[in-house]
Amino acid sequence: MRSRDKQRGAKEGVSLGVVLLLVLANLLFTEASIAAGSGAALLASGCTGCHGYDGLSAGPATPNIAHMNAGTFVQRMKDFKSGNRVATIMGRLAKGYSDDELAVLGEYFSKRQLGHVVQPLDVALANKGRALAQKYCASCHINDGKVDDGGPGILAGQWLTYLCYTIEDYQSGLVHVPKKMREGLDAIKNEAGKEGITSVLHFYASQE
């Protein structure tokens, strides 16, 4: 009887060991797949509910993140994670990702095609904003906001509502304003008043 118990215990020990090995192997395979890129789309699927398929947002208060610079993406997420950047839900969501996963997501979205949203805009206001944007914003927001060279993000084709909310956060002090950006905003207001800021936002939102 004791011999059978020992045999049964040995078999159960072996079975448990095999299960643990399989679980460990699966975890390693998953991490390797993500690192290799095959799991990037699956990882990014957690973002589609708000930011849309391939990073093209379907909601006016949520930004497109397609074609965003990978470094910018990672830094923004780390700022959300640490609380350095104020947000309603992104702070909680960002804490669910490791640094390695953020790097994978950054690379994934940086390779998505730049898009734009179809929305009602004031064409006359956008035309007025073009000159102001080229005069005061173009050194950072390259190619009419279509290029993110590591920091400013993509402005072209964004939802106007999102751009307006973001500017309000900067102006209210909720988000840190870089010195160069603050000087640009002040210069636009001095030349064209508050409507000048609005016209610049219309311009960037109109870009395809």
N, C-alpha and C. Protein backbone atom coordinates (compact mmCIF):
# COMPACT_ATOMS: atom_id res chain seq x y z
N MET A 1 0.84 -1.20 0.00
CA MET A 1 0.00 0.00 0.00
C MET A 1 0.87 1.24 0.00
N ARG A 2 1.89 1.24 0.83
CA ARG A 2 2.80 2.37 0.89
C ARG A 2 3.54 2.53 -0.43
N SER A 3 3.88 1.40 -1.04
CA SER A 3 4.58 1.42 -2.32
C SER A 3 3.72 2.09 -3.39
N ARG A 4 2.39 1.76 -3.39
CA ARG A 4 1.48 2.38 -4.35
C ARG A 4 1.36 3.88 -4.09
N ASP A 5 1.30 4.26 -2.81
CA ASP A 5 1.20 5.68 -2.47
C ASP A 5 2.43 6.43 -2.95
N LYS A 6 3.60 5.79 -2.79
CA LYS A 6 4.83 6.42 -3.24
C LYS A 6 4.83 6.58 -4.75
N GLN A 7 4.36 5.52 -5.44
CA GLN A 7 4.32 5.57 -6.90
C GLN A 7 3.36 6.66 -7.38
N ARG A 8 2.16 6.70 -6.69
CA ARG A 8 1.18 7.72 -7.05
C ARG A 8 1.73 9.12 -6.81
N GLY A 9 2.41 9.29 -5.67
CA GLY A 9 3.00 10.59 -5.34
C GLY A 9 4.07 10.97 -6.33
N ALA A 10 4.86 10.00 -6.75
CA ALA A 10 5.91 10.28 -7.73
C ALA A 10 5.31 10.71 -9.06
N LYS A 11 4.23 9.98 -9.48
CA LYS A 11 3.57 10.34 -10.75
C LYS A 11 2.97 11.73 -10.69
N GLU A 12 2.32 12.05 -9.53
CA GLU A 12 1.72 13.38 -9.39
C GLU A 12 2.79 14.46 -9.40
N GLY A 13 3.94 14.15 -8.77
CA GLY A 13 5.05 15.11 -8.76
C GLY A 13 5.57 15.35 -10.16
N VAL A 14 5.70 14.30 -10.94
CA VAL A 14 6.16 14.43 -12.32
C VAL A 14 5.16 15.23 -13.15
N SER A 15 3.85 14.90 -12.96
CA SER A 15 2.80 15.60 -13.71
C SER A 15 2.82 17.10 -13.40
N LEU A 16 2.95 17.43 -12.10
CA LEU A 16 2.99 18.84 -11.71
C LEU A 16 4.20 19.53 -12.30
N GLY A 17 5.32 18.80 -12.30
CA GLY A 17 6.54 19.36 -12.87
C GLY A 17 6.38 19.64 -14.36
N VAL A 18 5.73 18.72 -15.06
CA VAL A 18 5.50 18.91 -16.50
C VAL A 18 4.61 20.13 -16.75
N VAL A 19 3.55 20.25 -15.94
CA VAL A 19 2.63 21.38 -16.08
C VAL A 19 3.37 22.69 -15.87
N LEU A 20 4.20 22.75 -14.83
CA LEU A 20 4.95 23.97 -14.55
C LEU A 20 5.91 24.31 -15.68
N LEU A 21 6.54 23.28 -16.23
CA LEU A 21 7.45 23.50 -17.36
C LEU A 21 6.70 24.04 -18.57
N LEU A 22 5.50 23.48 -18.82
CA LEU A 22 4.70 23.94 -19.95
C LEU A 22 4.26 25.39 -19.76
N VAL A 23 3.86 25.74 -18.54
CA VAL A 23 3.45 27.11 -18.25
C VAL A 23 4.62 28.07 -18.46
N LEU A 24 5.79 27.67 -17.94
CA LEU A 24 6.97 28.50 -18.09
C LEU A 24 7.35 28.66 -19.56
N ALA A 25 7.28 27.56 -20.29
CA ALA A 25 7.61 27.60 -21.72
C ALA A 25 6.66 28.52 -22.47
N ASN A 26 5.37 28.47 -22.09
CA ASN A 26 4.37 29.33 -22.75
C ASN A 26 4.64 30.80 -22.47
N LEU A 27 5.02 31.11 -21.23
CA LEU A 27 5.34 32.49 -20.89
C LEU A 27 6.54 32.99 -21.67
N LEU A 28 7.57 32.14 -21.73
CA LEU A 28 8.77 32.51 -22.48
C LEU A 28 8.47 32.69 -23.95
N PHE A 29 7.61 31.80 -24.49
CA PHE A 29 7.24 31.89 -25.90
C PHE A 29 6.46 33.18 -26.17
N THR A 30 5.56 33.54 -25.24
CA THR A 30 4.77 34.75 -25.40
C THR A 30 5.65 35.98 -25.40
N GLU A 31 6.60 36.04 -24.45
CA GLU A 31 7.51 37.16 -24.37
C GLU A 31 8.38 37.25 -25.62
N ALA A 32 8.84 36.09 -26.08
CA ALA A 32 9.67 36.06 -27.28
C ALA A 32 8.87 36.51 -28.50
N SER A 33 7.60 36.10 -28.57
CA SER A 33 6.75 36.48 -29.70
C SER A 33 6.52 37.97 -29.73
N ILE A 34 6.27 38.55 -28.54
CA ILE A 34 6.06 39.99 -28.47
C ILE A 34 7.32 40.73 -28.87
N ALA A 35 8.45 40.24 -28.35
CA ALA A 35 9.72 40.88 -28.69
C ALA A 35 10.00 40.80 -30.17
N ALA A 36 9.61 39.70 -30.79
CA ALA A 36 9.86 39.52 -32.21
C ALA A 36 8.86 40.26 -33.08
N GLY A 37 7.76 40.74 -32.49
CA GLY A 37 6.79 41.52 -33.24
C GLY A 37 5.51 40.77 -33.55
N SER A 38 5.51 39.45 -33.46
CA SER A 38 4.31 38.70 -33.83
C SER A 38 3.18 38.92 -32.85
N GLY A 39 3.51 39.31 -31.62
CA GLY A 39 2.46 39.56 -30.63
C GLY A 39 2.13 41.03 -30.48
N ALA A 40 2.75 41.90 -31.28
CA ALA A 40 2.55 43.34 -31.13
C ALA A 40 1.11 43.74 -31.41
N ALA A 41 0.53 43.17 -32.47
CA ALA A 41 -0.85 43.52 -32.82
C ALA A 41 -1.82 43.09 -31.72
N LEU A 42 -1.55 41.94 -31.12
CA LEU A 42 -2.39 41.46 -30.03
C LEU A 42 -2.27 42.39 -28.83
N LEU A 43 -1.04 42.80 -28.52
CA LEU A 43 -0.82 43.72 -27.41
C LEU A 43 -1.50 45.06 -27.68
N ALA A 44 -1.44 45.51 -28.93
CA ALA A 44 -2.03 46.80 -29.30
C ALA A 44 -3.55 46.76 -29.33
N SER A 45 -4.13 45.57 -29.38
CA SER A 45 -5.59 45.46 -29.44
C SER A 45 -6.25 46.07 -28.20
N GLY A 46 -5.50 46.16 -27.11
CA GLY A 46 -6.04 46.77 -25.90
C GLY A 46 -6.24 48.28 -26.03
N CYS A 47 -5.67 48.87 -27.09
CA CYS A 47 -5.76 50.31 -27.29
C CYS A 47 -6.87 50.70 -28.27
N THR A 48 -7.38 49.71 -29.00
CA THR A 48 -8.30 50.01 -30.10
C THR A 48 -9.66 50.52 -29.63
N GLY A 49 -10.06 50.17 -28.42
CA GLY A 49 -11.36 50.60 -27.92
C GLY A 49 -11.51 52.11 -27.92
N CYS A 50 -10.41 52.83 -27.63
CA CYS A 50 -10.45 54.29 -27.62
C CYS A 50 -9.72 54.90 -28.82
N HIS A 51 -8.57 54.34 -29.16
CA HIS A 51 -7.73 54.93 -30.20
C HIS A 51 -7.99 54.37 -31.59
N GLY A 52 -8.93 53.44 -31.70
CA GLY A 52 -9.33 52.94 -33.00
C GLY A 52 -8.37 51.91 -33.59
N TYR A 53 -8.83 51.27 -34.64
CA TYR A 53 -8.03 50.26 -35.33
C TYR A 53 -6.79 50.92 -35.93
N ASP A 54 -5.64 50.34 -35.67
CA ASP A 54 -4.36 50.86 -36.17
C ASP A 54 -4.08 52.28 -35.70
N GLY A 55 -4.66 52.66 -34.55
CA GLY A 55 -4.35 53.96 -33.97
C GLY A 55 -5.09 55.13 -34.56
N LEU A 56 -6.15 54.87 -35.34
CA LEU A 56 -6.94 55.94 -35.95
C LEU A 56 -8.23 56.10 -35.14
N SER A 57 -8.28 57.11 -34.31
CA SER A 57 -9.35 57.30 -33.34
C SER A 57 -10.70 57.54 -33.99
N ALA A 58 -11.73 57.00 -33.33
CA ALA A 58 -13.10 57.21 -33.79
C ALA A 58 -13.85 58.18 -32.89
N GLY A 59 -13.19 58.71 -31.86
CA GLY A 59 -13.86 59.59 -30.90
C GLY A 59 -13.21 60.96 -30.86
N PRO A 60 -13.99 62.03 -30.79
CA PRO A 60 -13.45 63.39 -30.92
C PRO A 60 -12.52 63.85 -29.80
N ALA A 61 -12.60 63.22 -28.64
CA ALA A 61 -11.74 63.64 -27.54
C ALA A 61 -10.50 62.76 -27.39
N THR A 62 -10.36 61.79 -28.30
CA THR A 62 -9.26 60.83 -28.22
C THR A 62 -8.34 60.99 -29.43
N PRO A 63 -7.04 61.09 -29.22
CA PRO A 63 -6.13 61.36 -30.35
C PRO A 63 -5.84 60.14 -31.21
N ASN A 64 -5.53 60.42 -32.47
CA ASN A 64 -4.90 59.41 -33.31
C ASN A 64 -3.49 59.17 -32.78
N ILE A 65 -3.07 57.92 -32.73
CA ILE A 65 -1.69 57.63 -32.33
C ILE A 65 -0.94 56.89 -33.43
N ALA A 66 -1.59 56.73 -34.59
CA ALA A 66 -0.92 56.12 -35.73
C ALA A 66 0.22 57.01 -36.20
N HIS A 67 1.36 56.40 -36.52
CA HIS A 67 2.54 57.10 -37.06
C HIS A 67 3.23 57.97 -36.01
N MET A 68 2.86 57.80 -34.76
CA MET A 68 3.48 58.57 -33.69
C MET A 68 4.91 58.06 -33.47
N ASN A 69 5.83 58.96 -33.24
CA ASN A 69 7.21 58.56 -32.98
C ASN A 69 7.26 57.59 -31.80
N ALA A 70 8.01 56.50 -31.96
CA ALA A 70 8.05 55.46 -30.92
C ALA A 70 8.55 56.01 -29.59
N GLY A 71 9.57 56.86 -29.66
CA GLY A 71 10.10 57.45 -28.43
C GLY A 71 9.10 58.37 -27.75
N THR A 72 8.37 59.13 -28.56
CA THR A 72 7.33 60.01 -28.01
C THR A 72 6.25 59.19 -27.32
N PHE A 73 5.83 58.10 -27.98
CA PHE A 73 4.80 57.23 -27.41
C PHE A 73 5.24 56.69 -26.04
N VAL A 74 6.44 56.16 -25.98
CA VAL A 74 6.94 55.57 -24.73
C VAL A 74 7.03 56.62 -23.64
N GLN A 75 7.56 57.79 -23.97
CA GLN A 75 7.70 58.83 -22.96
C GLN A 75 6.35 59.32 -22.45
N ARG A 76 5.37 59.47 -23.37
CA ARG A 76 4.03 59.89 -22.94
C ARG A 76 3.43 58.86 -21.99
N MET A 77 3.58 57.59 -22.34
CA MET A 77 3.02 56.53 -21.49
C MET A 77 3.71 56.49 -20.12
N LYS A 78 5.01 56.70 -20.11
CA LYS A 78 5.73 56.73 -18.83
C LYS A 78 5.30 57.94 -17.99
N ASP A 79 5.04 59.06 -18.67
CA ASP A 79 4.56 60.25 -17.95
C ASP A 79 3.17 60.02 -17.38
N PHE A 80 2.30 59.33 -18.14
CA PHE A 80 0.99 58.96 -17.60
C PHE A 80 1.16 58.04 -16.40
N LYS A 81 2.05 57.09 -16.55
CA LYS A 81 2.29 56.07 -15.52
C LYS A 81 2.77 56.69 -14.22
N SER A 82 3.65 57.68 -14.32
CA SER A 82 4.24 58.31 -13.13
C SER A 82 3.37 59.44 -12.57
N GLY A 83 2.40 59.89 -13.37
CA GLY A 83 1.57 61.00 -12.94
C GLY A 83 2.10 62.35 -13.37
N ASN A 84 3.21 62.37 -14.12
CA ASN A 84 3.76 63.63 -14.61
C ASN A 84 2.87 64.28 -15.66
N ARG A 85 2.04 63.47 -16.31
CA ARG A 85 1.09 63.98 -17.29
C ARG A 85 -0.32 63.65 -16.82
N VAL A 86 -1.14 64.68 -16.68
CA VAL A 86 -2.49 64.51 -16.14
C VAL A 86 -3.39 63.85 -17.18
N ALA A 87 -4.24 62.92 -16.72
CA ALA A 87 -5.18 62.25 -17.62
C ALA A 87 -6.35 61.71 -16.80
N THR A 88 -7.44 61.43 -17.48
CA THR A 88 -8.61 60.89 -16.79
C THR A 88 -8.45 59.39 -16.52
N ILE A 89 -8.08 58.62 -17.54
CA ILE A 89 -7.94 57.17 -17.36
C ILE A 89 -6.58 56.63 -17.78
N MET A 90 -5.81 57.40 -18.58
CA MET A 90 -4.55 56.87 -19.10
C MET A 90 -3.54 56.56 -18.00
N GLY A 91 -3.60 57.29 -16.90
CA GLY A 91 -2.68 57.02 -15.80
C GLY A 91 -2.85 55.63 -15.25
N ARG A 92 -4.11 55.20 -15.12
CA ARG A 92 -4.38 53.85 -14.61
C ARG A 92 -4.05 52.80 -15.66
N LEU A 93 -4.36 53.08 -16.91
CA LEU A 93 -4.10 52.10 -17.97
C LEU A 93 -2.60 51.90 -18.18
N ALA A 94 -1.84 52.98 -18.14
CA ALA A 94 -0.40 52.90 -18.41
C ALA A 94 0.32 52.04 -17.38
N LYS A 95 -0.20 52.00 -16.17
CA LYS A 95 0.44 51.20 -15.11
C LYS A 95 0.35 49.71 -15.38
N GLY A 96 -0.51 49.31 -16.32
CA GLY A 96 -0.65 47.89 -16.64
C GLY A 96 0.38 47.37 -17.62
N TYR A 97 1.26 48.24 -18.11
CA TYR A 97 2.24 47.83 -19.11
C TYR A 97 3.66 47.95 -18.56
N SER A 98 4.48 46.96 -18.89
CA SER A 98 5.89 47.01 -18.53
C SER A 98 6.63 47.91 -19.52
N ASP A 99 7.87 48.27 -19.19
CA ASP A 99 8.66 49.10 -20.10
C ASP A 99 8.89 48.39 -21.43
N ASP A 100 9.09 47.08 -21.38
CA ASP A 100 9.30 46.31 -22.61
C ASP A 100 8.04 46.34 -23.48
N GLU A 101 6.88 46.22 -22.85
CA GLU A 101 5.63 46.24 -23.60
C GLU A 101 5.37 47.63 -24.21
N LEU A 102 5.72 48.67 -23.48
CA LEU A 102 5.57 50.02 -24.01
C LEU A 102 6.45 50.23 -25.23
N ALA A 103 7.66 49.67 -25.18
CA ALA A 103 8.57 49.78 -26.32
C ALA A 103 7.99 49.08 -27.54
N VAL A 104 7.39 47.91 -27.33
CA VAL A 104 6.77 47.16 -28.43
C VAL A 104 5.61 47.95 -29.01
N LEU A 105 4.77 48.52 -28.14
CA LEU A 105 3.63 49.31 -28.60
C LEU A 105 4.09 50.55 -29.37
N GLY A 106 5.13 51.19 -28.87
CA GLY A 106 5.65 52.38 -29.54
C GLY A 106 6.10 52.07 -30.95
N GLU A 107 6.82 50.97 -31.12
CA GLU A 107 7.27 50.57 -32.45
C GLU A 107 6.10 50.21 -33.35
N TYR A 108 5.12 49.53 -32.76
CA TYR A 108 3.95 49.10 -33.55
C TYR A 108 3.20 50.30 -34.11
N PHE A 109 2.85 51.25 -33.24
CA PHE A 109 2.05 52.39 -33.70
C PHE A 109 2.86 53.34 -34.59
N SER A 110 4.17 53.39 -34.40
CA SER A 110 4.99 54.25 -35.26
C SER A 110 4.98 53.78 -36.70
N LYS A 111 4.67 52.51 -36.90
CA LYS A 111 4.65 51.93 -38.25
C LYS A 111 3.25 51.95 -38.88
N ARG A 112 2.24 52.42 -38.15
CA ARG A 112 0.90 52.52 -38.72
C ARG A 112 0.84 53.75 -39.63
N GLN A 113 0.01 53.66 -40.64
CA GLN A 113 -0.10 54.74 -41.62
C GLN A 113 -0.77 55.97 -41.03
N LEU A 114 -0.20 57.14 -41.31
CA LEU A 114 -0.78 58.40 -40.87
C LEU A 114 -2.16 58.57 -41.49
N GLY A 115 -3.13 58.93 -40.67
CA GLY A 115 -4.49 59.12 -41.18
C GLY A 115 -5.06 60.45 -40.71
N HIS A 116 -6.28 60.74 -41.12
CA HIS A 116 -6.95 61.95 -40.67
C HIS A 116 -8.43 61.64 -40.50
N VAL A 117 -9.09 62.45 -39.70
CA VAL A 117 -10.52 62.23 -39.46
C VAL A 117 -11.32 63.22 -40.30
N VAL A 118 -12.50 62.78 -40.72
CA VAL A 118 -13.40 63.65 -41.46
C VAL A 118 -14.29 64.37 -40.45
N GLN A 119 -14.22 65.67 -40.44
CA GLN A 119 -14.95 66.46 -39.44
C GLN A 119 -15.25 67.85 -40.01
N PRO A 120 -16.29 68.50 -39.51
CA PRO A 120 -16.60 69.86 -39.99
C PRO A 120 -15.58 70.86 -39.46
N LEU A 121 -15.01 71.65 -40.36
CA LEU A 121 -14.01 72.65 -39.99
C LEU A 121 -14.32 73.96 -40.70
N ASP A 122 -13.85 75.04 -40.14
CA ASP A 122 -14.00 76.36 -40.74
C ASP A 122 -12.82 76.58 -41.69
N VAL A 123 -13.08 76.50 -42.99
CA VAL A 123 -12.02 76.59 -44.00
C VAL A 123 -11.32 77.94 -43.94
N ALA A 124 -12.09 79.00 -43.80
CA ALA A 124 -11.50 80.35 -43.75
C ALA A 124 -10.58 80.48 -42.53
N LEU A 125 -11.03 79.93 -41.41
CA LEU A 125 -10.23 79.97 -40.18
C LEU A 125 -8.97 79.12 -40.34
N ALA A 126 -9.11 77.98 -40.98
CA ALA A 126 -7.95 77.11 -41.22
C ALA A 126 -6.91 77.79 -42.11
N ASN A 127 -7.39 78.51 -43.12
CA ASN A 127 -6.48 79.23 -44.01
C ASN A 127 -5.74 80.34 -43.26
N LYS A 128 -6.44 81.00 -42.36
CA LYS A 128 -5.81 82.02 -41.53
C LYS A 128 -4.78 81.38 -40.62
N GLY A 129 -5.10 80.21 -40.09
CA GLY A 129 -4.19 79.52 -39.18
C GLY A 129 -2.93 79.01 -39.85
N ARG A 130 -3.01 78.75 -41.15
CA ARG A 130 -1.84 78.24 -41.88
C ARG A 130 -0.64 79.19 -41.74
N ALA A 131 -0.87 80.46 -41.99
CA ALA A 131 0.22 81.43 -41.93
C ALA A 131 0.79 81.53 -40.51
N LEU A 132 -0.09 81.51 -39.51
CA LEU A 132 0.38 81.59 -38.12
C LEU A 132 1.17 80.34 -37.73
N ALA A 133 0.67 79.19 -38.16
CA ALA A 133 1.35 77.93 -37.84
C ALA A 133 2.73 77.88 -38.49
N GLN A 134 2.81 78.30 -39.73
CA GLN A 134 4.09 78.26 -40.43
C GLN A 134 5.08 79.26 -39.84
N LYS A 135 4.55 80.34 -39.28
CA LYS A 135 5.40 81.37 -38.69
C LYS A 135 5.90 81.02 -37.30
N TYR A 136 5.02 80.40 -36.49
CA TYR A 136 5.36 80.20 -35.08
C TYR A 136 5.50 78.74 -34.63
N CYS A 137 5.03 77.79 -35.44
CA CYS A 137 4.98 76.40 -34.98
C CYS A 137 5.82 75.42 -35.81
N ALA A 138 6.17 75.83 -37.03
CA ALA A 138 6.73 74.89 -38.00
C ALA A 138 8.09 74.31 -37.62
N SER A 139 8.84 75.00 -36.77
CA SER A 139 10.17 74.50 -36.43
C SER A 139 10.10 73.21 -35.61
N CYS A 140 9.00 73.01 -34.88
CA CYS A 140 8.81 71.78 -34.11
C CYS A 140 7.80 70.85 -34.77
N HIS A 141 6.70 71.42 -35.24
CA HIS A 141 5.64 70.63 -35.88
C HIS A 141 5.89 70.59 -37.38
N ILE A 142 6.79 69.68 -37.75
CA ILE A 142 7.35 69.63 -39.11
C ILE A 142 6.31 69.17 -40.13
N ASN A 143 6.46 69.73 -41.35
CA ASN A 143 5.61 69.34 -42.48
C ASN A 143 4.13 69.46 -42.13
N ASP A 144 3.77 70.64 -41.64
CA ASP A 144 2.37 70.92 -41.28
C ASP A 144 1.82 69.94 -40.24
N GLY A 145 2.68 69.53 -39.32
CA GLY A 145 2.23 68.66 -38.22
C GLY A 145 2.14 67.19 -38.57
N LYS A 146 2.64 66.82 -39.75
CA LYS A 146 2.55 65.42 -40.18
C LYS A 146 3.71 64.57 -39.68
N VAL A 147 4.76 65.22 -39.19
CA VAL A 147 5.97 64.50 -38.76
C VAL A 147 6.20 64.72 -37.28
N ASP A 148 6.41 63.63 -36.55
CA ASP A 148 6.76 63.69 -35.14
C ASP A 148 8.24 63.31 -35.04
N ASP A 149 9.07 64.31 -34.82
CA ASP A 149 10.51 64.08 -34.80
C ASP A 149 11.01 63.79 -33.39
N GLY A 150 10.13 63.26 -32.56
CA GLY A 150 10.53 62.89 -31.21
C GLY A 150 10.18 63.94 -30.17
N GLY A 151 8.90 64.10 -29.88
CA GLY A 151 8.49 65.02 -28.83
C GLY A 151 7.15 65.68 -29.02
N PRO A 152 6.94 66.40 -30.14
CA PRO A 152 5.69 67.17 -30.27
C PRO A 152 4.46 66.36 -30.60
N GLY A 153 4.63 65.15 -31.11
CA GLY A 153 3.48 64.34 -31.50
C GLY A 153 2.94 64.75 -32.86
N ILE A 154 1.95 63.99 -33.33
CA ILE A 154 1.32 64.27 -34.63
C ILE A 154 0.12 65.19 -34.42
N LEU A 155 0.10 66.33 -35.13
CA LEU A 155 -1.03 67.25 -35.06
C LEU A 155 -1.94 67.13 -36.28
N ALA A 156 -1.36 66.82 -37.41
CA ALA A 156 -2.12 66.78 -38.66
C ALA A 156 -3.24 65.75 -38.60
N GLY A 157 -4.44 66.18 -38.98
CA GLY A 157 -5.57 65.27 -39.08
C GLY A 157 -6.17 64.84 -37.76
N GLN A 158 -5.75 65.46 -36.65
CA GLN A 158 -6.32 65.11 -35.35
C GLN A 158 -7.74 65.69 -35.22
N TRP A 159 -8.50 65.11 -34.31
CA TRP A 159 -9.81 65.67 -33.99
C TRP A 159 -9.63 67.09 -33.44
N LEU A 160 -10.43 68.02 -33.93
CA LEU A 160 -10.37 69.40 -33.44
C LEU A 160 -10.69 69.46 -31.94
N THR A 161 -11.66 68.68 -31.52
CA THR A 161 -12.03 68.66 -30.09
C THR A 161 -10.85 68.26 -29.23
N TYR A 162 -10.13 67.23 -29.65
CA TYR A 162 -8.95 66.79 -28.89
C TYR A 162 -7.90 67.90 -28.83
N LEU A 163 -7.64 68.56 -29.96
CA LEU A 163 -6.65 69.63 -29.99
C LEU A 163 -7.05 70.78 -29.07
N CYS A 164 -8.34 71.11 -29.06
CA CYS A 164 -8.83 72.19 -28.19
C CYS A 164 -8.66 71.82 -26.72
N TYR A 165 -9.02 70.60 -26.35
CA TYR A 165 -8.86 70.16 -24.97
C TYR A 165 -7.40 70.19 -24.55
N THR A 166 -6.52 69.77 -25.46
CA THR A 166 -5.10 69.72 -25.14
C THR A 166 -4.54 71.12 -24.89
N ILE A 167 -4.92 72.06 -25.75
CA ILE A 167 -4.47 73.45 -25.57
C ILE A 167 -4.99 74.01 -24.25
N GLU A 168 -6.23 73.69 -23.91
CA GLU A 168 -6.80 74.15 -22.64
C GLU A 168 -5.98 73.60 -21.46
N ASP A 169 -5.56 72.34 -21.56
CA ASP A 169 -4.75 71.74 -20.49
C ASP A 169 -3.41 72.46 -20.36
N TYR A 170 -2.81 72.81 -21.49
CA TYR A 170 -1.55 73.55 -21.46
C TYR A 170 -1.75 74.93 -20.85
N GLN A 171 -2.78 75.63 -21.29
CA GLN A 171 -2.99 77.00 -20.83
C GLN A 171 -3.42 77.09 -19.37
N SER A 172 -4.08 76.03 -18.89
CA SER A 172 -4.52 76.03 -17.49
C SER A 172 -3.44 75.57 -16.52
N GLY A 173 -2.33 75.04 -17.08
CA GLY A 173 -1.24 74.57 -16.23
C GLY A 173 -1.33 73.11 -15.84
N LEU A 174 -2.35 72.40 -16.33
CA LEU A 174 -2.47 70.98 -16.01
C LEU A 174 -1.34 70.16 -16.64
N VAL A 175 -0.85 70.63 -17.78
CA VAL A 175 0.25 69.97 -18.47
C VAL A 175 1.38 70.97 -18.64
N HIS A 176 2.61 70.51 -18.39
CA HIS A 176 3.77 71.39 -18.52
C HIS A 176 3.92 71.89 -19.95
N VAL A 177 4.15 73.19 -20.09
CA VAL A 177 4.33 73.79 -21.41
C VAL A 177 5.82 74.09 -21.63
N PRO A 178 6.45 73.46 -22.62
CA PRO A 178 7.85 73.77 -22.91
C PRO A 178 8.01 75.26 -23.22
N LYS A 179 9.15 75.82 -22.90
CA LYS A 179 9.38 77.26 -23.06
C LYS A 179 9.12 77.72 -24.49
N LYS A 180 9.63 76.96 -25.46
CA LYS A 180 9.48 77.36 -26.87
C LYS A 180 8.01 77.38 -27.29
N MET A 181 7.25 76.40 -26.81
CA MET A 181 5.83 76.35 -27.14
C MET A 181 5.08 77.51 -26.48
N ARG A 182 5.41 77.80 -25.24
CA ARG A 182 4.75 78.91 -24.54
C ARG A 182 5.02 80.23 -25.26
N GLU A 183 6.25 80.41 -25.71
CA GLU A 183 6.58 81.64 -26.44
C GLU A 183 5.82 81.71 -27.76
N GLY A 184 5.67 80.57 -28.43
CA GLY A 184 4.91 80.53 -29.69
C GLY A 184 3.44 80.87 -29.49
N LEU A 185 2.84 80.28 -28.44
CA LEU A 185 1.43 80.56 -28.14
C LEU A 185 1.22 82.03 -27.80
N ASP A 186 2.14 82.58 -27.01
CA ASP A 186 2.04 84.00 -26.64
C ASP A 186 2.15 84.89 -27.88
N ALA A 187 3.06 84.51 -28.78
CA ALA A 187 3.25 85.31 -30.00
C ALA A 187 2.00 85.27 -30.89
N ILE A 188 1.38 84.11 -30.99
CA ILE A 188 0.15 83.98 -31.79
C ILE A 188 -0.96 84.84 -31.19
N LYS A 189 -1.11 84.79 -29.86
CA LYS A 189 -2.15 85.58 -29.20
C LYS A 189 -1.89 87.08 -29.34
N ASN A 190 -0.62 87.47 -29.27
CA ASN A 190 -0.28 88.89 -29.41
C ASN A 190 -0.59 89.39 -30.82
N GLU A 191 -0.40 88.53 -31.80
CA GLU A 191 -0.64 88.94 -33.19
C GLU A 191 -2.10 88.82 -33.61
N ALA A 192 -2.77 87.74 -33.16
CA ALA A 192 -4.12 87.47 -33.68
C ALA A 192 -5.16 87.22 -32.60
N GLY A 193 -4.80 87.38 -31.35
CA GLY A 193 -5.76 87.15 -30.27
C GLY A 193 -6.07 85.67 -30.07
N LYS A 194 -7.08 85.40 -29.25
CA LYS A 194 -7.46 84.01 -28.98
C LYS A 194 -7.91 83.28 -30.24
N GLU A 195 -8.53 84.04 -31.15
CA GLU A 195 -8.97 83.42 -32.40
C GLU A 195 -7.78 82.89 -33.20
N GLY A 196 -6.61 83.50 -32.98
CA GLY A 196 -5.41 83.03 -33.66
C GLY A 196 -5.08 81.59 -33.27
N ILE A 197 -5.19 81.28 -31.98
CA ILE A 197 -4.94 79.93 -31.50
C ILE A 197 -5.95 78.97 -32.11
N THR A 198 -7.23 79.39 -32.11
CA THR A 198 -8.28 78.55 -32.69
C THR A 198 -8.04 78.29 -34.17
N SER A 199 -7.59 79.31 -34.88
CA SER A 199 -7.34 79.15 -36.32
C SER A 199 -6.20 78.18 -36.58
N VAL A 200 -5.19 78.20 -35.75
CA VAL A 200 -4.07 77.26 -35.90
C VAL A 200 -4.56 75.82 -35.68
N LEU A 201 -5.42 75.62 -34.71
CA LEU A 201 -5.96 74.29 -34.45
C LEU A 201 -6.80 73.80 -35.61
N HIS A 202 -7.60 74.69 -36.20
CA HIS A 202 -8.39 74.34 -37.38
C HIS A 202 -7.46 73.95 -38.53
N PHE A 203 -6.37 74.69 -38.66
CA PHE A 203 -5.41 74.38 -39.74
C PHE A 203 -4.84 72.97 -39.58
N TYR A 204 -4.33 72.65 -38.39
CA TYR A 204 -3.72 71.33 -38.18
C TYR A 204 -4.75 70.22 -38.31
N ALA A 205 -5.95 70.46 -37.82
CA ALA A 205 -7.00 69.44 -37.92
C ALA A 205 -7.39 69.17 -39.38
N SER A 206 -7.19 70.16 -40.24
CA SER A 206 -7.59 70.03 -41.64
C SER A 206 -6.55 69.30 -42.50
N GLN A 207 -5.38 69.06 -41.96
CA GLN A 207 -4.30 68.49 -42.76
C GLN A 207 -4.50 66.97 -42.97
N GLU A 208 -4.18 66.52 -44.17
CA GLU A 208 -4.33 65.10 -44.51
C GLU A 208 -2.96 64.48 -44.79
